[in-house]
N, C-alpha and C. Protein backbone atom coordinates (compact mmCIF):
# COMPACT_ATOMS: atom_id res chain seq x y z
N GLY A 1 -22.25 83.77 0.14
CA GLY A 1 -21.08 83.09 0.65
C GLY A 1 -21.05 81.64 0.22
N THR A 2 -20.07 80.95 0.69
CA THR A 2 -19.89 79.55 0.32
C THR A 2 -21.08 78.71 0.76
N GLY A 3 -21.52 78.90 1.99
CA GLY A 3 -22.67 78.13 2.48
C GLY A 3 -23.94 78.42 1.72
N THR A 4 -24.14 79.68 1.38
CA THR A 4 -25.35 80.08 0.65
C THR A 4 -25.41 79.38 -0.70
N GLY A 5 -24.27 79.26 -1.36
CA GLY A 5 -24.24 78.61 -2.67
C GLY A 5 -24.21 77.10 -2.61
N ALA A 6 -23.48 76.56 -1.64
CA ALA A 6 -23.29 75.11 -1.57
C ALA A 6 -24.42 74.38 -0.86
N ALA A 7 -25.02 74.99 0.13
CA ALA A 7 -26.03 74.30 0.94
C ALA A 7 -27.19 73.72 0.13
N PRO A 8 -27.76 74.47 -0.82
CA PRO A 8 -28.87 73.87 -1.59
C PRO A 8 -28.43 72.65 -2.41
N ILE A 9 -27.21 72.67 -2.91
CA ILE A 9 -26.71 71.55 -3.71
C ILE A 9 -26.50 70.33 -2.83
N VAL A 10 -25.87 70.53 -1.68
CA VAL A 10 -25.65 69.43 -0.74
C VAL A 10 -26.99 68.86 -0.28
N ALA A 11 -27.93 69.73 0.04
CA ALA A 11 -29.25 69.28 0.50
C ALA A 11 -29.98 68.50 -0.59
N GLU A 12 -29.88 68.97 -1.81
CA GLU A 12 -30.54 68.28 -2.92
C GLU A 12 -29.99 66.88 -3.10
N VAL A 13 -28.67 66.75 -3.06
CA VAL A 13 -28.03 65.43 -3.20
C VAL A 13 -28.47 64.52 -2.06
N ALA A 14 -28.43 65.04 -0.83
CA ALA A 14 -28.82 64.23 0.33
C ALA A 14 -30.27 63.77 0.22
N LYS A 15 -31.12 64.66 -0.22
CA LYS A 15 -32.55 64.32 -0.32
C LYS A 15 -32.79 63.26 -1.40
N THR A 16 -32.07 63.36 -2.52
CA THR A 16 -32.24 62.36 -3.58
C THR A 16 -31.74 60.99 -3.13
N MET A 17 -30.86 60.97 -2.13
CA MET A 17 -30.36 59.71 -1.57
C MET A 17 -31.29 59.18 -0.48
N GLY A 18 -32.38 59.89 -0.21
CA GLY A 18 -33.37 59.43 0.74
C GLY A 18 -33.15 59.90 2.17
N ALA A 19 -32.22 60.80 2.38
CA ALA A 19 -31.94 61.29 3.73
C ALA A 19 -32.97 62.32 4.16
N LEU A 20 -33.23 62.35 5.46
CA LEU A 20 -34.02 63.42 6.05
C LEU A 20 -33.11 64.65 6.08
N THR A 21 -33.55 65.74 5.50
CA THR A 21 -32.70 66.93 5.41
C THR A 21 -33.22 68.03 6.31
N VAL A 22 -32.36 68.48 7.20
CA VAL A 22 -32.67 69.56 8.13
C VAL A 22 -31.55 70.58 8.03
N ALA A 23 -31.88 71.81 7.73
CA ALA A 23 -30.88 72.88 7.63
C ALA A 23 -31.05 73.84 8.80
N VAL A 24 -29.95 74.13 9.46
CA VAL A 24 -29.92 75.14 10.52
C VAL A 24 -29.03 76.26 10.01
N VAL A 25 -29.61 77.42 9.78
CA VAL A 25 -28.89 78.53 9.16
C VAL A 25 -29.05 79.80 9.98
N SER A 26 -28.18 80.74 9.73
CA SER A 26 -28.29 82.04 10.40
C SER A 26 -28.43 83.14 9.36
N LYS A 27 -29.15 84.19 9.75
CA LYS A 27 -29.29 85.37 8.89
C LYS A 27 -28.32 86.43 9.38
N PRO A 28 -27.83 87.27 8.48
CA PRO A 28 -26.83 88.27 8.86
C PRO A 28 -27.37 89.32 9.84
N PHE A 29 -26.43 89.96 10.53
CA PHE A 29 -26.77 91.10 11.37
C PHE A 29 -27.29 92.23 10.49
N SER A 30 -28.17 93.07 11.00
CA SER A 30 -28.72 94.17 10.22
C SER A 30 -27.64 95.15 9.78
N TYR A 31 -26.60 95.32 10.59
CA TYR A 31 -25.54 96.26 10.22
C TYR A 31 -24.70 95.78 9.04
N GLU A 32 -24.88 94.51 8.63
CA GLU A 32 -24.14 94.00 7.47
C GLU A 32 -24.72 94.52 6.16
N GLY A 33 -25.89 95.13 6.22
CA GLY A 33 -26.44 95.81 5.05
C GLY A 33 -27.51 95.06 4.31
N LYS A 34 -28.23 95.81 3.49
CA LYS A 34 -29.35 95.27 2.71
C LYS A 34 -28.88 94.25 1.68
N LYS A 35 -27.76 94.52 1.03
CA LYS A 35 -27.27 93.59 0.00
C LYS A 35 -26.99 92.22 0.61
N CYS A 36 -26.34 92.22 1.75
CA CYS A 36 -26.02 90.96 2.44
C CYS A 36 -27.31 90.23 2.83
N MET A 37 -28.28 90.96 3.33
CA MET A 37 -29.56 90.36 3.72
C MET A 37 -30.31 89.83 2.50
N ASP A 38 -30.26 90.57 1.39
CA ASP A 38 -30.93 90.12 0.16
C ASP A 38 -30.33 88.81 -0.34
N VAL A 39 -28.99 88.70 -0.29
CA VAL A 39 -28.31 87.46 -0.70
C VAL A 39 -28.75 86.31 0.21
N ALA A 40 -28.79 86.58 1.51
CA ALA A 40 -29.21 85.55 2.46
C ALA A 40 -30.65 85.11 2.21
N GLU A 41 -31.54 86.05 1.97
CA GLU A 41 -32.95 85.74 1.71
C GLU A 41 -33.09 84.88 0.46
N ALA A 42 -32.36 85.23 -0.60
CA ALA A 42 -32.42 84.44 -1.83
C ALA A 42 -31.88 83.03 -1.58
N GLY A 43 -30.82 82.94 -0.80
CA GLY A 43 -30.25 81.64 -0.47
C GLY A 43 -31.22 80.78 0.34
N LEU A 44 -31.91 81.40 1.28
CA LEU A 44 -32.89 80.67 2.08
C LEU A 44 -34.05 80.17 1.23
N GLU A 45 -34.47 80.99 0.30
CA GLU A 45 -35.56 80.59 -0.59
C GLU A 45 -35.16 79.37 -1.42
N GLU A 46 -33.94 79.39 -1.95
CA GLU A 46 -33.45 78.26 -2.74
C GLU A 46 -33.27 77.02 -1.87
N LEU A 47 -32.67 77.20 -0.70
CA LEU A 47 -32.44 76.08 0.21
C LEU A 47 -33.75 75.43 0.63
N SER A 48 -34.76 76.24 0.88
CA SER A 48 -36.05 75.71 1.35
C SER A 48 -36.68 74.74 0.36
N LYS A 49 -36.31 74.83 -0.91
CA LYS A 49 -36.84 73.92 -1.93
C LYS A 49 -36.27 72.51 -1.80
N HIS A 50 -35.16 72.37 -1.05
CA HIS A 50 -34.43 71.10 -1.04
C HIS A 50 -34.30 70.47 0.34
N VAL A 51 -34.98 71.01 1.35
CA VAL A 51 -34.88 70.45 2.69
C VAL A 51 -36.26 70.09 3.24
N ASP A 52 -36.26 69.15 4.17
CA ASP A 52 -37.51 68.78 4.84
C ASP A 52 -37.86 69.78 5.93
N SER A 53 -36.84 70.33 6.57
CA SER A 53 -37.06 71.29 7.65
C SER A 53 -35.98 72.35 7.61
N LEU A 54 -36.38 73.60 7.83
CA LEU A 54 -35.44 74.72 7.79
C LEU A 54 -35.57 75.51 9.09
N ILE A 55 -34.47 75.60 9.82
CA ILE A 55 -34.44 76.34 11.08
C ILE A 55 -33.58 77.57 10.87
N ILE A 56 -34.16 78.75 11.08
CA ILE A 56 -33.45 80.01 10.84
C ILE A 56 -33.18 80.69 12.17
N ILE A 57 -31.91 81.00 12.40
CA ILE A 57 -31.50 81.71 13.61
C ILE A 57 -31.11 83.13 13.21
N LEU A 58 -31.71 84.10 13.86
CA LEU A 58 -31.37 85.49 13.58
C LEU A 58 -30.15 85.88 14.40
N ASN A 59 -29.10 86.34 13.75
CA ASN A 59 -27.90 86.76 14.46
C ASN A 59 -28.22 87.84 15.50
N GLU A 60 -29.22 88.67 15.22
CA GLU A 60 -29.61 89.73 16.14
C GLU A 60 -30.07 89.17 17.49
N LYS A 61 -30.53 87.94 17.50
CA LYS A 61 -31.07 87.33 18.72
C LYS A 61 -30.02 86.54 19.50
N LEU A 62 -28.81 86.41 18.95
CA LEU A 62 -27.76 85.65 19.64
C LEU A 62 -27.18 86.43 20.79
């Protein structure tokens, strides 16, 4: 999705400007399927390279 693609770029820019970067993200519901979860996992992996702290909220727990 838009956030999955844009978040790492925004975080990278913020970090290069010296900002403390904290990302709060959610993972898809299990019923959204494996493909959706795989995209989210790849996005989280990329985002984690550009943030100081990563907080993951599982939609299943909401």
